[in-house]
Amino acid sequence: MKTNNQLTWKACLLVLSAGLLFTSTGCNKFLDTERQGAYDEENYPYPGGSGPYDQFIFGAYNDLRSFNLHSQSFITAVSIRSDDADKGSTPADGGANALTMDNFPVLPSNGFLNTIWLGNYSLVTKCNSTIKEINTNATIVAPEQIKQQTLGEARFLRAYAYFNLVRYFGSVPLIDSLFSDPAAQNNVPQSSATQLYAFIESDLTFAAANLPLTWDAKFAGRVTRGAANGLLAKVYLTQKKWAAAQSAAQAVMASGVYDLSTPYDRIFREEGENSRESVFEVQATASAAIPSANGVQYAQIQGARGAGDWDRGWGWNTPSVQLEAAYEAGDPRKNRTIMYTSTATTTYQTIYGETIPVGLPNPRYNGKVVTNPSIRSSIGNRFGYWMNIRLLRYADVVLMFAEAANEVGGTANIEAARVALNTVRARARAGNNSVLPDVTTTDQELLRQAIRQERRVELAMEHDRFWDIVRWGIAQDVLQAAGKTNFSNSRDVLLPIPQTQIDLSAGVLKQNPGY
């Protein structure tokens, strides 16, 4: 469960994103102690340990919780488009916009596209604003270390937004500064994917060199050197830069900050937030007084769609039969990932011992967003606005290392890949040695398939599956086999540029092929 300090830091995000300085009495605990590893009480130059640029960077962090960035459109684009999940809910819910994201093709007029575009570019703008303040605001006097550290945060978050954009849309405008006339931003031509990836790598390399390994507990969720190297590993992996991806992932693994000690069935509980498994996690919170304003709708959109106490959300993003069939016999991760609706002959329970009723609209729901009933009761809200979003877990980093090492090849690297893979399987078996035996092959192709399979089940319903099958070049075969027969590799690996944005640019933006 979140500590009071974590709650206070998250609540302060909302205060600071509105442009307020540290004057709110609700942020007292945030002010009581200082940032780890920078200054002691005698020489830290900023009141209460607050950074001089926090009022700007917190606005960027707050964007991570926005509906446009990490809620409906995000879930639809990264999960429902894959073979992990179906749209769920009722057949008509979401209309054509949702149905075409599930079954293809997505039309340029689809409203979800503009939401994705606006959400990520809003984050880019907040980051550019922070960078401008650090570089040009002469009224703020700060040590160089603090400047570089905050620049590292801003450049990490900007890189994250652009990594989203280049994977969603391919060529998009590269905007690295603020415009005196915001409307002029609409007329920036697209940069190529190659140019965008170079920019992303530059931002993340800078971030990795300037961010701390850890923050004080009260700053849980602020990005770290591990987050920068972990995201950099994913950026390299996406481009098949295997040696660079292996090195970046190895830097995270060698840091000593993260490990696989958190049991799999606890990672996704409230008590598992910001654990040693967490590399990059969106911070959300709620209270009885503020049940939604400081949170995200990520859990609500995927919560069971029922009646009474089981009216917990929209019922979107339901695990597919293909995902259900992907698990090895006895894999404990299956029952932690898939929440089954009870039937007339079979009664199911959640991880909290709640009996799931008969008659919910969908047979399966995302078990990784199930909320603790005691927290629901204390807040007086069923919709999980307080649930953090795990964007990058340590197991993901370990599996990226395994994949990259195997692709680099050679006896030593293939063995290192096999060992890394087996550490993830060892945690997953939860002490039951009769399931998930160690992978013993040292054949590169067989190990490649084993690593891909492990990513499928370890990271199921966690935003990676679509990107994985695209970068492996198997998206069309996989999705058509899953019944998404309209999917085409020549068109659907990228979303269309939103027609709204093409219109705003007066034709400067060019549509992706096939749309």
Protein backbone atom coordinates (compact mmCIF):
# COMPACT_ATOMS: atom_id res chain seq x y z
CA MET A 1 0.00 0.00 0.00
CA LYS A 2 1.18 3.51 -0.63
CA THR A 3 2.91 5.29 2.21
CA ASN A 4 1.81 8.72 3.37
CA ASN A 5 4.89 10.24 1.77
CA GLN A 6 4.04 8.67 -1.56
CA LEU A 7 0.50 9.97 -1.34
CA THR A 8 1.75 13.43 -0.45
CA TRP A 9 4.17 13.55 -3.39
CA LYS A 10 1.39 12.51 -5.75
CA ALA A 11 -1.02 15.04 -4.33
CA CYS A 12 1.64 17.71 -4.70
CA LEU A 13 1.90 16.91 -8.40
CA LEU A 14 -1.61 18.22 -8.86
CA VAL A 15 -0.90 21.36 -6.85
CA LEU A 16 2.29 22.14 -8.74
CA SER A 17 0.86 21.35 -12.15
CA ALA A 18 -1.52 24.23 -11.56
CA GLY A 19 1.55 26.47 -11.24
CA LEU A 20 1.50 26.88 -7.47
CA LEU A 21 4.62 26.96 -5.36
CA PHE A 22 5.03 25.01 -2.11
CA THR A 23 2.47 26.90 -0.06
CA SER A 24 -0.19 24.22 0.32
CA THR A 25 -0.47 22.85 3.85
CA GLY A 26 -1.41 19.53 2.28
CA CYS A 27 2.21 19.19 1.11
CA ASN A 28 3.85 19.51 4.52
CA LYS A 29 5.31 15.99 4.53
CA PHE A 30 6.67 16.63 1.06
CA LEU A 31 8.56 19.58 2.51
CA ASP A 32 9.81 17.89 5.67
CA THR A 33 12.79 16.04 4.22
CA GLU A 34 15.12 16.51 1.33
CA ARG A 35 16.18 14.83 -1.86
CA GLN A 36 18.47 11.84 -1.41
CA GLY A 37 22.19 12.16 -1.97
CA ALA A 38 22.34 15.85 -2.81
CA TYR A 39 22.75 18.07 0.27
CA ASP A 40 22.44 17.85 4.03
CA GLU A 41 20.15 20.07 6.10
CA GLU A 42 22.81 22.70 6.63
CA ASN A 43 23.80 23.34 3.03
CA TYR A 44 20.72 22.48 0.97
CA PRO A 45 19.79 25.87 -0.52
CA TYR A 46 16.06 25.36 -1.16
CA PRO A 47 13.39 25.48 1.56
CA GLY A 48 12.29 22.07 2.78
CA GLY A 49 14.33 20.24 0.17
CA SER A 50 12.14 21.27 -2.74
CA GLY A 51 13.89 21.67 -6.07
CA PRO A 52 13.81 25.09 -7.73
CA TYR A 53 12.40 23.68 -10.95
CA ASP A 54 9.89 21.26 -9.42
CA GLN A 55 6.98 23.57 -10.16
CA PHE A 56 7.73 23.01 -13.86
CA ILE A 57 8.74 19.35 -14.00
CA PHE A 58 5.78 18.32 -11.85
CA GLY A 59 3.51 19.61 -14.59
CA ALA A 60 5.08 17.05 -16.91
CA TYR A 61 4.70 14.27 -14.35
CA ASN A 62 1.07 15.23 -13.90
CA ASP A 63 0.51 14.74 -17.63
CA LEU A 64 1.37 11.06 -17.20
CA ARG A 65 -1.96 10.73 -15.40
CA SER A 66 -4.00 12.47 -18.07
CA PHE A 67 -6.90 10.76 -19.80
CA ASN A 68 -5.37 11.57 -23.18
CA LEU A 69 -2.07 9.84 -22.41
CA HIS A 70 -2.72 6.69 -20.38
CA SER A 71 -6.39 5.83 -20.41
CA GLN A 72 -8.95 4.86 -23.04
CA SER A 73 -7.02 5.54 -26.26
CA PHE A 74 -3.77 4.20 -24.82
CA ILE A 75 -5.36 0.92 -23.73
CA THR A 76 -7.09 0.56 -27.07
CA ALA A 77 -3.97 1.23 -29.14
CA VAL A 78 -1.41 -0.81 -27.21
CA SER A 79 -3.49 -3.74 -25.95
CA ILE A 80 -6.80 -4.14 -27.77
CA ARG A 81 -4.97 -3.92 -31.12
CA SER A 82 -2.92 -6.97 -30.08
CA ASP A 83 -3.85 -10.63 -29.68
CA ASP A 84 -3.67 -10.22 -25.89
CA ALA A 85 -7.12 -8.69 -25.69
CA ASP A 86 -10.49 -8.00 -27.22
CA LYS A 87 -12.44 -4.78 -26.87
CA GLY A 88 -14.80 -6.35 -24.34
CA SER A 89 -17.71 -4.51 -22.72
CA THR A 90 -20.86 -4.68 -24.88
CA PRO A 91 -20.75 -4.97 -28.68
CA ALA A 92 -21.89 -1.40 -29.26
CA ASP A 93 -19.84 0.28 -26.53
CA GLY A 94 -17.27 2.62 -28.04
CA GLY A 95 -18.85 2.51 -31.48
CA ALA A 96 -16.89 2.30 -34.70
CA ASN A 97 -13.84 4.02 -33.22
CA ALA A 98 -13.31 1.17 -30.75
CA LEU A 99 -14.33 -1.63 -33.08
CA THR A 100 -11.90 -0.66 -35.81
CA MET A 101 -9.03 -0.38 -33.34
CA ASP A 102 -9.79 -4.00 -32.46
CA ASN A 103 -10.44 -5.34 -35.94
CA PHE A 104 -8.77 -2.91 -38.38
CA PRO A 105 -8.39 -0.84 -40.43
CA VAL A 106 -8.29 2.29 -38.29
CA LEU A 107 -9.56 5.32 -40.19
CA PRO A 108 -7.81 8.72 -40.05
CA SER A 109 -11.05 10.19 -38.65
CA ASN A 110 -10.97 7.87 -35.61
CA GLY A 111 -11.25 10.09 -32.54
CA PHE A 112 -8.85 7.97 -30.49
CA LEU A 113 -6.00 9.00 -32.79
CA ASN A 114 -6.29 12.68 -32.02
CA THR A 115 -6.45 11.91 -28.30
CA ILE A 116 -3.20 9.92 -28.54
CA TRP A 117 -1.56 12.72 -30.54
CA LEU A 118 -2.67 15.45 -28.13
CA GLY A 119 -1.74 13.48 -25.02
CA ASN A 120 1.81 12.82 -26.10
CA TYR A 121 2.44 16.28 -27.53
CA SER A 122 1.09 17.85 -24.35
CA LEU A 123 3.79 15.94 -22.46
CA VAL A 124 6.39 17.11 -24.99
CA THR A 125 5.31 20.72 -24.46
CA LYS A 126 5.50 20.43 -20.65
CA CYS A 127 9.00 19.03 -20.97
CA ASN A 128 10.10 21.72 -23.42
CA SER A 129 8.72 24.35 -21.05
CA THR A 130 10.74 22.91 -18.16
CA ILE A 131 13.89 22.81 -20.30
CA LYS A 132 13.38 26.44 -21.30
CA GLU A 133 13.01 27.54 -17.67
CA ILE A 134 16.20 25.75 -16.68
CA ASN A 135 18.19 27.16 -19.58
CA THR A 136 16.87 30.73 -19.65
CA ASN A 137 15.20 31.76 -16.39
CA ALA A 138 17.84 33.94 -14.74
CA THR A 139 15.68 34.57 -11.66
CA ILE A 140 16.21 30.94 -10.53
CA VAL A 141 19.64 30.29 -9.06
CA ALA A 142 20.49 26.62 -8.72
CA PRO A 143 23.56 24.39 -8.55
CA GLU A 144 24.60 22.85 -11.83
CA GLN A 145 23.87 19.36 -10.48
CA ILE A 146 20.23 20.26 -9.87
CA LYS A 147 19.92 21.84 -13.30
CA GLN A 148 21.32 18.77 -15.02
CA GLN A 149 19.23 16.42 -12.91
CA THR A 150 15.98 18.21 -13.73
CA LEU A 151 16.98 18.42 -17.37
CA GLY A 152 17.44 14.67 -17.18
CA GLU A 153 13.88 14.23 -15.91
CA ALA A 154 12.46 16.47 -18.62
CA ARG A 155 14.45 14.81 -21.38
CA PHE A 156 13.47 11.33 -20.18
CA LEU A 157 9.76 12.18 -20.22
CA ARG A 158 10.10 13.87 -23.62
CA ALA A 159 11.87 10.80 -24.98
CA TYR A 160 9.08 8.61 -23.62
CA ALA A 161 6.47 10.71 -25.44
CA TYR A 162 8.41 10.59 -28.71
CA PHE A 163 8.99 6.85 -28.39
CA ASN A 164 5.22 6.49 -28.13
CA LEU A 165 4.64 8.76 -31.11
CA VAL A 166 7.16 7.12 -33.44
CA ARG A 167 5.75 3.68 -32.69
CA TYR A 168 2.16 4.84 -33.09
CA PHE A 169 2.55 6.99 -36.20
CA GLY A 170 6.05 6.63 -37.67
CA SER A 171 7.04 10.05 -38.99
CA VAL A 172 5.84 12.90 -36.76
CA PRO A 173 6.92 16.52 -36.14
CA LEU A 174 9.98 16.82 -33.92
CA ILE A 175 9.39 19.80 -31.64
CA ASP A 176 12.17 20.50 -29.16
CA SER A 177 11.38 24.08 -28.15
CA LEU A 178 8.45 26.36 -27.41
CA PHE A 179 6.81 28.52 -30.05
CA SER A 180 5.95 32.16 -29.37
CA ASP A 181 2.85 31.50 -31.44
CA PRO A 182 1.51 28.07 -30.38
CA ALA A 183 -0.46 27.79 -33.63
CA ALA A 184 2.84 27.67 -35.53
CA GLN A 185 3.44 24.23 -34.01
CA ASN A 186 0.74 22.90 -36.35
CA ASN A 187 2.91 23.62 -39.38
CA VAL A 188 6.07 21.74 -38.42
CA PRO A 189 6.78 19.04 -41.03
CA GLN A 190 7.35 15.44 -40.06
CA SER A 191 10.76 14.06 -39.19
CA SER A 192 11.67 10.56 -40.27
CA ALA A 193 11.64 7.65 -37.86
CA THR A 194 15.44 7.54 -38.13
CA GLN A 195 15.69 11.18 -37.04
CA LEU A 196 13.21 10.63 -34.22
CA TYR A 197 15.04 7.61 -32.87
CA ALA A 198 18.33 9.52 -32.87
CA PHE A 199 16.64 12.30 -30.90
CA ILE A 200 15.11 9.83 -28.43
CA GLU A 201 18.47 8.12 -27.92
CA SER A 202 20.15 11.47 -27.28
CA ASP A 203 17.56 12.46 -24.66
CA LEU A 204 17.75 9.11 -22.87
CA THR A 205 21.54 8.98 -22.94
CA PHE A 206 21.62 12.41 -21.33
CA ALA A 207 19.03 11.32 -18.77
CA ALA A 208 20.98 8.17 -17.88
CA ALA A 209 24.10 10.27 -17.27
CA ASN A 210 22.38 12.84 -15.04
CA LEU A 211 19.55 11.15 -13.15
CA PRO A 212 20.10 9.65 -9.69
CA LEU A 213 20.02 5.91 -9.11
CA THR A 214 17.33 6.42 -6.47
CA TRP A 215 15.24 9.15 -4.89
CA ASP A 216 14.12 9.53 -1.33
CA ALA A 217 11.01 7.42 -0.65
CA LYS A 218 8.79 10.48 -0.60
CA PHE A 219 9.68 11.05 -4.27
CA ALA A 220 8.62 7.57 -5.37
CA GLY A 221 7.87 7.63 -9.08
CA ARG A 222 10.38 10.25 -10.15
CA VAL A 223 12.44 8.86 -12.98
CA THR A 224 15.84 7.38 -12.30
CA ARG A 225 19.00 6.31 -14.08
CA GLY A 226 17.54 2.81 -14.19
CA ALA A 227 14.40 4.05 -15.90
CA ALA A 228 16.48 5.88 -18.50
CA ASN A 229 18.67 2.86 -19.24
CA GLY A 230 15.65 0.56 -19.24
CA LEU A 231 13.74 2.68 -21.73
CA LEU A 232 16.91 3.09 -23.77
CA ALA A 233 17.20 -0.71 -23.92
CA LYS A 234 13.67 -0.88 -25.32
CA VAL A 235 14.42 1.85 -27.87
CA TYR A 236 17.52 -0.05 -29.03
CA LEU A 237 15.66 -3.37 -29.06
CA THR A 238 12.94 -1.87 -31.26
CA GLN A 239 15.63 -0.89 -33.79
CA LYS A 240 17.41 -4.26 -33.51
CA LYS A 241 20.51 -2.60 -32.08
CA TRP A 242 21.19 -5.75 -30.12
CA ALA A 243 24.55 -5.00 -28.52
CA ALA A 244 23.45 -1.54 -27.40
CA ALA A 245 20.21 -2.97 -26.00
CA GLN A 246 22.12 -5.65 -24.10
CA SER A 247 24.45 -3.05 -22.61
CA ALA A 248 21.64 -0.71 -21.54
CA ALA A 249 19.67 -3.54 -19.94
CA GLN A 250 22.81 -4.82 -18.23
CA ALA A 251 23.33 -1.36 -16.68
CA VAL A 252 19.93 -1.65 -15.00
CA MET A 253 20.60 -5.19 -13.82
CA ALA A 254 24.02 -4.25 -12.41
CA SER A 255 22.72 -1.19 -10.53
CA GLY A 256 21.61 -3.19 -7.48
CA VAL A 257 18.41 -1.16 -7.25
CA TYR A 258 16.01 -3.72 -8.76
CA ASP A 259 15.40 -7.43 -8.42
CA LEU A 260 12.77 -10.15 -8.86
CA SER A 261 12.02 -10.53 -5.14
CA THR A 262 8.45 -9.19 -5.35
CA PRO A 263 6.11 -12.17 -5.81
CA TYR A 264 4.28 -12.02 -9.13
CA ASP A 265 0.86 -12.05 -7.50
CA ARG A 266 1.78 -8.94 -5.46
CA ILE A 267 3.32 -6.78 -8.17
CA PHE A 268 -0.05 -5.51 -9.34
CA ARG A 269 -1.62 -5.01 -5.94
CA GLU A 270 -1.61 -1.62 -4.29
CA GLU A 271 1.02 -2.94 -1.86
CA GLY A 272 3.26 -3.84 -4.80
CA GLU A 273 3.47 -0.31 -6.15
CA ASN A 274 6.96 1.19 -6.36
CA SER A 275 8.53 -2.11 -5.30
CA ARG A 276 11.94 -3.36 -6.38
CA GLU A 277 10.19 -4.60 -9.51
CA SER A 278 9.24 -1.06 -10.53
CA VAL A 279 11.48 0.77 -13.01
CA PHE A 280 8.99 3.33 -14.37
CA GLU A 281 5.53 3.67 -12.91
CA VAL A 282 2.80 6.30 -13.23
CA GLN A 283 1.79 7.56 -9.80
CA ALA A 284 -1.92 7.80 -9.02
CA THR A 285 -3.88 8.31 -5.84
CA ALA A 286 -7.33 8.96 -4.47
CA SER A 287 -8.95 9.57 -1.11
CA ALA A 288 -12.43 9.79 0.32
CA ALA A 289 -12.24 13.57 -0.07
CA ILE A 290 -10.77 13.44 -3.58
CA PRO A 291 -11.83 10.10 -5.09
CA SER A 292 -10.70 10.76 -8.65
CA ALA A 293 -8.98 14.09 -9.33
CA ASN A 294 -5.46 12.90 -8.46
CA GLY A 295 -5.81 9.56 -10.20
CA VAL A 296 -6.11 7.90 -13.57
CA GLN A 297 -8.97 6.05 -15.24
CA TYR A 298 -6.72 3.21 -16.35
CA ALA A 299 -8.22 0.66 -13.92
CA GLN A 300 -11.77 1.91 -14.32
CA ILE A 301 -11.75 1.43 -18.09
CA GLN A 302 -10.74 -2.21 -17.61
CA GLY A 303 -12.74 -2.93 -14.46
CA ALA A 304 -15.56 -5.49 -14.49
CA ARG A 305 -18.76 -4.15 -16.00
CA GLY A 306 -21.52 -5.30 -13.69
CA ALA A 307 -24.11 -4.09 -11.20
CA GLY A 308 -23.93 -2.88 -7.62
CA ASP A 309 -20.53 -3.45 -6.06
CA TRP A 310 -19.46 -5.19 -9.27
CA ASP A 311 -20.04 -2.06 -11.32
CA ARG A 312 -16.30 -1.38 -11.29
CA GLY A 313 -15.68 -0.01 -14.72
CA TRP A 314 -16.28 -0.10 -18.42
CA GLY A 315 -15.27 -3.73 -18.99
CA TRP A 316 -12.85 -2.92 -21.83
CA ASN A 317 -9.64 -4.78 -22.74
CA THR A 318 -10.71 -8.32 -21.89
CA PRO A 319 -8.10 -11.12 -22.14
CA SER A 320 -8.47 -13.11 -25.34
CA VAL A 321 -8.82 -16.85 -25.79
CA GLN A 322 -5.43 -16.74 -27.53
CA LEU A 323 -3.81 -15.30 -24.40
CA GLU A 324 -5.63 -17.83 -22.23
CA ALA A 325 -4.18 -20.65 -24.34
CA ALA A 326 -0.65 -19.24 -24.30
CA TYR A 327 0.23 -20.27 -20.74
CA GLU A 328 2.05 -23.47 -19.87
CA ALA A 329 0.16 -25.91 -17.66
CA GLY A 330 0.14 -24.75 -14.05
CA ASP A 331 1.66 -21.31 -14.69
CA PRO A 332 0.51 -19.25 -11.66
CA ARG A 333 0.66 -16.06 -13.74
CA LYS A 334 -2.45 -17.09 -15.66
CA ASN A 335 -4.79 -16.75 -12.69
CA ARG A 336 -3.16 -13.49 -11.66
CA THR A 337 -3.63 -12.04 -15.15
CA ILE A 338 -7.06 -13.34 -16.12
CA MET A 339 -10.07 -12.82 -13.85
CA TYR A 340 -12.83 -15.23 -14.82
CA THR A 341 -16.54 -14.56 -14.48
CA SER A 342 -18.30 -17.28 -12.51
CA THR A 343 -20.70 -19.54 -14.36
CA ALA A 344 -23.66 -21.68 -13.28
CA THR A 345 -21.26 -24.58 -12.70
CA THR A 346 -17.96 -22.90 -11.77
CA THR A 347 -17.36 -20.30 -9.06
CA TYR A 348 -14.27 -18.10 -9.24
CA GLN A 349 -12.67 -15.77 -6.75
CA THR A 350 -10.31 -12.84 -7.05
CA ILE A 351 -6.96 -12.61 -5.28
CA TYR A 352 -8.75 -10.90 -2.41
CA GLY A 353 -11.17 -13.76 -1.84
CA GLU A 354 -14.15 -12.03 -3.41
CA THR A 355 -16.58 -14.30 -5.20
CA ILE A 356 -17.02 -13.15 -8.77
CA PRO A 357 -20.70 -13.17 -9.73
CA VAL A 358 -22.40 -15.07 -12.51
CA GLY A 359 -23.70 -13.01 -15.41
CA LEU A 360 -21.06 -10.32 -15.96
CA PRO A 361 -21.11 -9.30 -19.64
CA ASN A 362 -17.68 -10.77 -20.41
CA PRO A 363 -16.21 -14.14 -19.46
CA ARG A 364 -12.76 -12.70 -18.69
CA TYR A 365 -11.40 -9.40 -17.34
CA ASN A 366 -7.91 -8.00 -16.74
CA GLY A 367 -6.88 -9.39 -13.36
CA LYS A 368 -3.96 -6.98 -13.08
CA VAL A 369 -6.27 -4.05 -12.33
CA VAL A 370 -8.32 -5.74 -9.59
CA THR A 371 -8.46 -3.45 -6.56
CA ASN A 372 -8.24 -4.15 -2.85
CA PRO A 373 -11.76 -4.20 -1.32
CA SER A 374 -10.57 -2.53 1.90
CA ILE A 375 -9.18 0.42 -0.10
CA ARG A 376 -12.36 0.64 -2.17
CA SER A 377 -14.32 0.77 1.07
CA SER A 378 -12.14 3.39 2.74
CA ILE A 379 -12.22 5.66 -0.30
CA GLY A 380 -15.88 5.03 -1.05
CA ASN A 381 -15.15 4.51 -4.73
CA ARG A 382 -15.18 1.33 -6.83
CA PHE A 383 -13.24 2.52 -9.84
CA GLY A 384 -9.57 2.21 -8.93
CA TYR A 385 -8.44 5.75 -9.70
CA TRP A 386 -5.63 5.18 -7.20
CA MET A 387 -4.03 2.30 -9.12
CA ASN A 388 -0.57 3.03 -10.49
CA ILE A 389 0.33 2.05 -14.07
CA ARG A 390 3.41 -0.12 -14.44
CA LEU A 391 5.07 1.11 -17.63
CA LEU A 392 8.42 -0.64 -17.24
CA ARG A 393 9.08 -3.56 -14.91
CA TYR A 394 12.38 -5.17 -13.98
CA ALA A 395 11.32 -8.51 -15.47
CA ASP A 396 10.86 -6.71 -18.79
CA VAL A 397 14.43 -5.42 -18.55
CA VAL A 398 15.75 -8.92 -17.78
CA LEU A 399 13.88 -10.36 -20.76
CA MET A 400 15.16 -7.55 -22.98
CA PHE A 401 18.68 -8.44 -21.87
CA ALA A 402 17.99 -12.09 -22.66
CA GLU A 403 16.63 -11.31 -26.11
CA ALA A 404 19.45 -8.93 -27.01
CA ALA A 405 22.17 -11.25 -25.71
CA ASN A 406 20.74 -14.17 -27.64
CA GLU A 407 20.59 -12.09 -30.84
CA VAL A 408 24.20 -10.92 -30.39
CA GLY A 409 25.03 -14.61 -30.24
CA GLY A 410 28.10 -16.56 -29.29
CA THR A 411 28.34 -19.21 -26.61
CA ALA A 412 28.75 -16.83 -23.67
CA ASN A 413 25.93 -14.50 -24.70
CA ILE A 414 23.49 -17.31 -25.43
CA GLU A 415 24.22 -18.84 -22.04
CA ALA A 416 23.75 -15.46 -20.35
CA ALA A 417 20.43 -15.11 -22.15
CA ARG A 418 19.31 -18.56 -20.99
CA VAL A 419 20.25 -17.83 -17.38
CA ALA A 420 18.43 -14.49 -17.42
CA LEU A 421 15.31 -16.08 -18.89
CA ASN A 422 15.29 -18.73 -16.18
CA THR A 423 15.43 -16.15 -13.38
CA VAL A 424 12.08 -14.81 -14.60
CA ARG A 425 10.63 -18.32 -14.79
CA ALA A 426 11.93 -19.14 -11.31
CA ARG A 427 10.08 -16.19 -9.79
CA ALA A 428 6.94 -17.05 -11.77
CA ARG A 429 6.72 -20.62 -10.48
CA ALA A 430 6.31 -19.25 -6.92
CA GLY A 431 8.12 -22.13 -5.25
CA ASN A 432 6.28 -24.88 -7.12
CA ASN A 433 9.08 -26.77 -8.84
CA SER A 434 6.65 -29.01 -10.69
CA VAL A 435 5.80 -26.19 -13.11
CA LEU A 436 7.75 -23.91 -15.43
CA PRO A 437 10.96 -25.95 -15.61
CA ASP A 438 14.16 -24.19 -16.54
CA VAL A 439 14.81 -23.75 -20.24
CA THR A 440 17.83 -25.90 -21.09
CA THR A 441 18.34 -25.31 -24.81
CA THR A 442 21.38 -23.45 -26.06
CA ASP A 443 20.15 -23.45 -29.65
CA GLN A 444 19.78 -19.80 -30.66
CA GLU A 445 16.49 -20.21 -32.56
CA LEU A 446 14.86 -22.35 -29.89
CA LEU A 447 15.98 -19.91 -27.22
CA ARG A 448 14.64 -17.02 -29.31
CA GLN A 449 11.21 -18.65 -29.34
CA ALA A 450 11.38 -19.38 -25.60
CA ILE A 451 12.20 -15.75 -24.81
CA ARG A 452 9.37 -14.52 -27.01
CA GLN A 453 6.97 -16.91 -25.30
CA GLU A 454 8.13 -15.73 -21.88
CA ARG A 455 7.54 -12.10 -22.82
CA ARG A 456 4.04 -13.06 -23.93
CA VAL A 457 2.97 -14.47 -20.57
CA GLU A 458 5.13 -12.48 -18.14
CA LEU A 459 4.06 -9.13 -19.61
CA ALA A 460 0.53 -10.09 -20.67
CA MET A 461 -1.95 -7.18 -20.68
CA GLU A 462 0.93 -4.75 -19.99
CA HIS A 463 1.19 -2.73 -23.20
CA ASP A 464 4.07 -4.57 -24.90
CA ARG A 465 2.51 -7.34 -26.96
CA PHE A 466 1.55 -5.29 -30.03
CA TRP A 467 4.96 -3.61 -30.21
CA ASP A 468 6.69 -6.98 -29.77
CA ILE A 469 4.91 -8.76 -32.61
CA VAL A 470 5.46 -5.77 -34.89
CA ARG A 471 9.20 -5.59 -34.25
CA TRP A 472 9.48 -9.37 -34.63
CA GLY A 473 7.81 -9.08 -38.04
CA ILE A 474 5.06 -11.56 -37.17
CA ALA A 475 2.14 -9.20 -36.53
CA GLN A 476 0.13 -10.12 -39.61
CA ASP A 477 0.40 -13.87 -39.06
CA VAL A 478 -0.34 -13.61 -35.34
CA LEU A 479 -3.27 -11.21 -35.58
CA GLN A 480 -4.93 -12.87 -38.54
CA ALA A 481 -4.69 -16.21 -36.69
CA ALA A 482 -6.40 -14.48 -33.76
CA GLY A 483 -9.33 -13.51 -35.99
CA LYS A 484 -8.20 -9.96 -36.78
CA THR A 485 -8.20 -10.83 -40.45
CA ASN A 486 -8.22 -7.24 -41.72
CA PHE A 487 -4.73 -6.58 -40.33
CA SER A 488 -2.09 -5.87 -42.97
CA ASN A 489 1.65 -5.50 -42.39
CA SER A 490 1.76 -2.96 -45.20
CA ARG A 491 -0.66 -0.64 -43.42
CA ASP A 492 -1.59 -1.45 -39.84
CA VAL A 493 1.78 -1.56 -38.09
CA LEU A 494 1.36 2.22 -37.94
CA LEU A 495 -1.74 4.18 -37.10
CA PRO A 496 -2.89 6.82 -39.57
CA ILE A 497 -1.95 10.43 -38.86
CA PRO A 498 -5.09 11.97 -37.31
CA GLN A 499 -7.08 13.75 -40.00
CA THR A 500 -7.69 16.57 -37.53
CA GLN A 501 -3.95 17.24 -37.37
CA ILE A 502 -3.52 17.08 -41.15
CA ASP A 503 -6.31 19.65 -41.48
CA LEU A 504 -4.76 21.92 -38.83
CA SER A 505 -1.44 21.78 -40.68
CA ALA A 506 -3.11 22.79 -43.96
CA GLY A 507 -1.64 19.70 -45.56
CA VAL A 508 1.91 20.03 -44.21
CA LEU A 509 1.49 16.67 -42.48
CA LYS A 510 1.39 13.72 -44.86
CA GLN A 511 -0.71 10.61 -44.33
CA ASN A 512 0.86 7.19 -43.76
CA PRO A 513 0.70 4.70 -46.65
CA GLY A 514 -2.47 2.69 -47.06
CA TYR A 515 -4.88 5.13 -45.44
